Structure formats: structure tokens, C-alpha cells
């Protein structure tokens, strides 16, 4: 059992180090030697878990969806909003997530690395959440969950990329807030709009409530 726990910790250390390296250098320029130096593990330990740079990149990509988890909310649209703010907040500080996102957008990744997977997975998750919102009467009747999910995922990818290029993502909360101010009127029923919290600092309140175990509601 102790050996298994060590193996799990070692694997996690390697994946987090790889995320940082891929974020800083991109896939093409990143090397196994860089990951070894960052992780401070032996070559044998790394290759025990990951036989190639491609498999290491795929592991980093596979972590992305779990890093968008947020506490459930009775209002499914608010939960979707919360997910974007929390993901954006983590994207400013979490090296593994930053590396995963860079790999997703890196067109230099080889065919063996499925950098399209996160787009499909995020879209599928948002579709499921939008369907729940529709069942609760939160959506306008014209909303098509798949089209809306694809638009949201694509728009978020562009917004965070622009924020990274211009301001090292320091203004990402504001940009997400602006994104929602334009999208929500075409998605949510009018009576719900005033109760949805899309202020730039939404992530801080969601994360604080998660730590305290209390639900943070949508606020006017």
C-alpha cells in the first residue's frame, strides 16, 4: 500500500512538472530532461509512468476537465457561470492547468496527442448542464444546448487566450464577466437574469464558500 501511494505521488509530481514545462515552452520545445529537472525524479521513475513525451502530454491534457469542478448550485445556469469563473481563476495560478490549456491550443502537437479532446469534453459537460437548466425552466425556448455549448467553449478559449497575450490573464475575470453579459440575455429567461451573479470576482466567493461548506447563492 505504501509503495502504491508513493507511485501515485510520484506520478502526480511528474504530471504537474510537465504541465509547467509545457506551459512555459510549448510542446515542440519541451523536453523530457526539462520535466525531470522540474520534477526532481529519476529517468526510470518517469518512464515507469510515461513511456514517451506524447503520453506525458496526454496525461496533462486529461487532467483539464477535473480542474473545472465547482460546487453544485440549484440554478444550473449559475453553476455554468461559476465553472467559467473558477476555471479562469485556476488558470492564473495552476501550472498544470496552464500547461493543459496551452497543449489544447497547440497545433504543433503530434497526431498521437489528442489536443481536441478537452474541447469535446467541455462541450459535452456544458450540454448536460444546459439540459438540466432547460428542465428547470431556466432557458429561452430557442436555445439549442449543443450549439450554445460549442459557442461558450469556443468563446471562452478565445477570451482567455487574448487575456493571456495582453495581460498575462490578470484581467480574465473581467473578460469573463463581459462575455456573460453578452451571452446570458440570449440564453436565460428574462426573470432569471437579475439574479445571476456574473461579477468579475465571482470565483473568489465560490471558492471561499466551497472551503466553508456553505452554498454561495446567485446575487443581484
Protein backbone atom coordinates (compact mmCIF):
# COMPACT_ATOMS: atom_id res chain seq x y z
CA UNK A 1 0.00 0.00 0.00
CA UNK A 2 2.81 2.42 0.89
CA UNK A 3 4.53 1.63 -2.42
CA UNK A 4 1.30 2.33 -4.32
CA UNK A 5 0.87 5.66 -2.53
CA UNK A 6 4.43 6.64 -3.39
CA UNK A 7 3.81 5.72 -7.02
CA UNK A 8 0.66 7.86 -7.09
CA UNK A 9 2.53 10.81 -5.56
CA UNK A 10 5.43 10.39 -7.98
CA UNK A 11 3.10 10.28 -10.96
CA UNK A 12 1.34 13.41 -9.77
CA UNK A 13 4.64 15.21 -9.28
CA UNK A 14 5.69 14.33 -12.82
CA UNK A 15 2.39 15.42 -14.36
CA UNK A 16 2.44 18.76 -12.52
CA UNK A 17 6.05 19.37 -13.56
CA UNK A 18 5.19 18.51 -17.15
CA UNK A 19 2.27 20.93 -17.08
CA UNK A 20 4.60 23.74 -16.05
CA UNK A 21 7.15 22.83 -18.71
CA UNK A 22 4.56 22.60 -21.50
CA UNK A 23 3.09 25.94 -20.43
CA UNK A 24 6.46 27.68 -20.47
CA UNK A 25 7.91 26.12 -23.63
CA UNK A 26 5.09 24.61 -25.71
CA UNK A 27 5.02 21.01 -26.87
CA UNK A 28 7.71 21.17 -29.55
CA UNK A 29 10.37 22.86 -27.40
CA UNK A 30 9.63 20.94 -24.20
CA UNK A 31 11.92 18.01 -23.39
CA UNK A 32 11.88 15.06 -21.04
CA UNK A 33 15.06 16.46 -19.48
CA UNK A 34 13.21 19.65 -18.55
CA UNK A 35 10.45 17.65 -16.88
CA UNK A 36 12.98 15.53 -14.99
CA UNK A 37 14.73 18.63 -13.69
CA UNK A 38 11.44 20.25 -12.63
CA UNK A 39 10.03 17.10 -11.01
CA UNK A 40 13.33 16.06 -9.40
CA UNK A 41 12.75 12.38 -10.19
CA UNK A 42 14.87 9.80 -11.95
CA UNK A 43 14.52 8.96 -15.61
CA UNK A 44 13.48 5.45 -14.62
CA UNK A 45 10.66 6.77 -12.43
CA UNK A 46 9.35 8.96 -15.23
CA UNK A 47 9.48 6.25 -17.87
CA UNK A 48 7.79 3.81 -15.49
CA UNK A 49 4.69 6.01 -15.69
CA UNK A 50 5.11 7.63 -19.11
CA UNK A 51 6.91 5.84 -21.96
CA UNK A 52 7.09 8.95 -24.18
CA UNK A 53 6.68 12.71 -24.34
CA UNK A 54 3.40 12.11 -26.17
CA UNK A 55 1.99 10.03 -23.32
CA UNK A 56 3.10 12.67 -20.83
CA UNK A 57 1.35 15.41 -22.82
CA UNK A 58 -1.80 13.31 -23.00
CA UNK A 59 -1.77 12.88 -19.23
CA UNK A 60 -1.56 16.65 -18.80
CA UNK A 61 -4.47 17.13 -21.20
CA UNK A 62 -6.53 14.50 -19.39
CA UNK A 63 -6.33 16.48 -16.14
CA UNK A 64 -8.06 19.54 -17.55
CA UNK A 65 -11.72 18.69 -17.06
CA UNK A 66 -11.36 17.83 -13.36
CA UNK A 67 -9.77 21.24 -12.74
CA UNK A 68 -13.04 22.90 -13.71
CA UNK A 69 -15.08 21.31 -10.93
CA UNK A 70 -17.26 23.65 -8.86
CA UNK A 71 -19.79 23.09 -6.07
CA UNK A 72 -23.27 22.22 -7.36
CA UNK A 73 -25.80 25.04 -7.44
CA UNK A 74 -29.63 24.85 -7.54
CA UNK A 75 -29.57 27.18 -10.56
CA UNK A 76 -27.84 25.26 -13.32
CA UNK A 77 -27.02 28.40 -15.30
CA UNK A 78 -25.31 29.88 -12.26
CA UNK A 79 -23.32 26.68 -11.95
CA UNK A 80 -22.14 27.04 -15.55
CA UNK A 81 -21.21 30.66 -14.87
CA UNK A 82 -19.36 29.61 -11.73
CA UNK A 83 -17.44 26.96 -13.66
CA UNK A 84 -16.06 29.54 -16.08
CA UNK A 85 -15.01 31.94 -13.34
CA UNK A 86 -13.37 29.25 -11.20
CA UNK A 87 -11.63 27.74 -14.21
CA UNK A 88 -10.37 31.19 -15.14
CA UNK A 89 -9.16 31.79 -11.59
CA UNK A 90 -7.28 28.49 -11.51
CA UNK A 91 -5.85 29.22 -14.92
CA UNK A 92 -3.97 32.15 -13.44
CA UNK A 93 -2.26 30.11 -10.71
CA UNK A 94 -2.26 26.39 -11.55
CA UNK A 95 0.71 25.39 -13.71
CA UNK A 96 -0.78 22.02 -14.61
CA UNK A 97 -3.95 23.66 -15.88
CA UNK A 98 -2.00 26.32 -17.77
CA UNK A 99 0.05 23.60 -19.46
CA UNK A 100 -3.05 21.61 -20.33
CA UNK A 101 -4.72 24.63 -21.90
CA UNK A 102 -1.62 25.50 -23.90
CA UNK A 103 -1.46 21.94 -25.22
CA UNK A 104 -5.15 22.12 -26.18
CA UNK A 105 -4.45 25.14 -28.35
CA UNK A 106 -1.04 23.95 -29.60
CA UNK A 107 -1.39 22.95 -33.24
CA UNK A 108 2.16 21.56 -33.20
CA UNK A 109 1.13 18.59 -31.04
CA UNK A 110 1.71 15.31 -32.91
CA UNK A 111 -1.14 13.04 -34.06
CA UNK A 112 -0.61 10.80 -31.03
CA UNK A 113 -1.70 13.60 -28.69
CA UNK A 114 -5.44 14.27 -28.74
CA UNK A 115 -5.47 18.02 -28.14
CA UNK A 116 -9.06 18.16 -29.41
CA UNK A 117 -10.33 16.05 -26.51
CA UNK A 118 -10.79 18.89 -23.99
CA UNK A 119 -12.94 20.83 -26.46
CA UNK A 120 -15.28 17.87 -26.90
CA UNK A 121 -15.31 17.04 -23.20
CA UNK A 122 -16.07 20.60 -22.12
CA UNK A 123 -18.80 20.89 -24.71
CA UNK A 124 -20.36 17.61 -23.55
CA UNK A 125 -20.30 18.76 -19.93
CA UNK A 126 -21.91 22.10 -20.75
CA UNK A 127 -24.57 20.39 -22.89
CA UNK A 128 -25.51 18.20 -19.93
CA UNK A 129 -25.70 21.22 -17.64
CA UNK A 130 -27.74 23.22 -20.15
CA UNK A 131 -30.17 20.34 -20.48
CA UNK A 132 -30.60 20.42 -16.72
CA UNK A 133 -31.16 24.18 -16.90
CA UNK A 134 -33.80 23.65 -19.59
CA UNK A 135 -35.58 21.05 -17.46
CA UNK A 136 -35.75 23.65 -14.67
CA UNK A 137 -37.20 26.30 -16.97
CA UNK A 138 -34.08 28.50 -16.98
CA UNK A 139 -33.52 28.65 -20.75
CA UNK A 140 -35.25 30.53 -23.53
CA UNK A 141 -37.14 28.11 -25.81
CA UNK A 142 -34.87 28.99 -28.75
CA UNK A 143 -31.72 27.69 -27.04
CA UNK A 144 -30.12 24.63 -28.62
CA UNK A 145 -27.83 23.14 -25.93
CA UNK A 146 -25.19 21.76 -28.30
CA UNK A 147 -24.85 24.95 -30.33
CA UNK A 148 -24.79 27.08 -27.18
CA UNK A 149 -22.22 24.82 -25.50
CA UNK A 150 -19.91 24.92 -28.52
CA UNK A 151 -20.22 28.71 -28.67
CA UNK A 152 -19.44 29.09 -24.98
CA UNK A 153 -16.43 26.76 -25.05
CA UNK A 154 -15.02 28.43 -28.16
CA UNK A 155 -15.64 31.93 -26.84
CA UNK A 156 -14.00 31.13 -23.50
CA UNK A 157 -10.96 29.69 -25.27
CA UNK A 158 -10.57 32.88 -27.28
CA UNK A 159 -11.16 35.19 -24.34
CA UNK A 160 -8.57 33.51 -22.13
CA UNK A 161 -6.07 33.40 -24.99
CA UNK A 162 -6.49 37.13 -25.61
CA UNK A 163 -6.22 37.83 -21.88
CA UNK A 164 -3.02 35.78 -21.69
CA UNK A 165 -1.47 37.58 -24.65
CA UNK A 166 -2.35 41.09 -23.49
CA UNK A 167 -2.27 40.98 -19.69
CA UNK A 168 -0.93 37.59 -18.52
CA UNK A 169 -4.57 36.71 -17.65
CA UNK A 170 -4.69 39.35 -14.90
CA UNK A 171 -7.92 40.73 -16.39
CA UNK A 172 -9.51 37.35 -17.14
CA UNK A 173 -12.24 37.72 -14.50
CA UNK A 174 -13.35 40.99 -16.10
CA UNK A 175 -13.31 39.48 -19.58
CA UNK A 176 -15.41 36.50 -18.45
CA UNK A 177 -17.87 38.90 -16.85
CA UNK A 178 -18.18 40.83 -20.11
CA UNK A 179 -18.63 37.58 -22.04
CA UNK A 180 -21.55 36.56 -19.87
CA UNK A 181 -23.16 40.00 -20.05
CA UNK A 182 -23.43 39.48 -23.80
CA UNK A 183 -24.37 35.79 -23.82
CA UNK A 184 -26.86 35.42 -20.99
CA UNK A 185 -29.64 37.61 -22.46
CA UNK A 186 -29.78 35.22 -25.41
CA UNK A 187 -29.80 32.14 -23.16
CA UNK A 188 -31.63 32.78 -19.87
CA UNK A 189 -35.30 33.56 -19.35
CA UNK A 190 -35.69 37.27 -18.50
CA UNK A 191 -36.84 36.66 -14.93
CA UNK A 192 -33.58 34.88 -14.12
CA UNK A 193 -31.12 37.46 -15.43
CA UNK A 194 -31.13 39.85 -12.49
CA UNK A 195 -30.40 37.02 -10.04
CA UNK A 196 -27.34 35.63 -11.81
CA UNK A 197 -24.00 36.68 -10.33
CA UNK A 198 -21.51 37.41 -13.11
CA UNK A 199 -19.31 39.93 -11.33
CA UNK A 200 -15.58 39.62 -12.05
CA UNK A 201 -14.77 38.42 -8.52
CA UNK A 202 -17.33 35.59 -8.57
CA UNK A 203 -14.63 32.91 -8.36
CA UNK A 204 -13.35 34.17 -5.02
CA UNK A 205 -16.79 33.84 -3.45
CA UNK A 206 -17.43 30.40 -4.93
CA UNK A 207 -14.08 29.05 -3.72
CA UNK A 208 -14.49 30.61 -0.28
CA UNK A 209 -17.92 29.03 0.09
CA UNK A 210 -16.56 25.66 -1.03
CA UNK A 211 -13.92 25.81 1.70
CA UNK A 212 -16.51 26.70 4.34
CA UNK A 213 -19.01 24.11 3.10
CA UNK A 214 -21.68 26.74 2.52
CA UNK A 215 -23.54 27.44 -0.69
CA UNK A 216 -22.96 30.84 -2.22
CA UNK A 217 -26.09 31.92 -3.96
CA UNK A 218 -26.65 33.88 -7.10
CA UNK A 219 -26.85 37.50 -6.13
CA UNK A 220 -28.30 40.54 -7.82
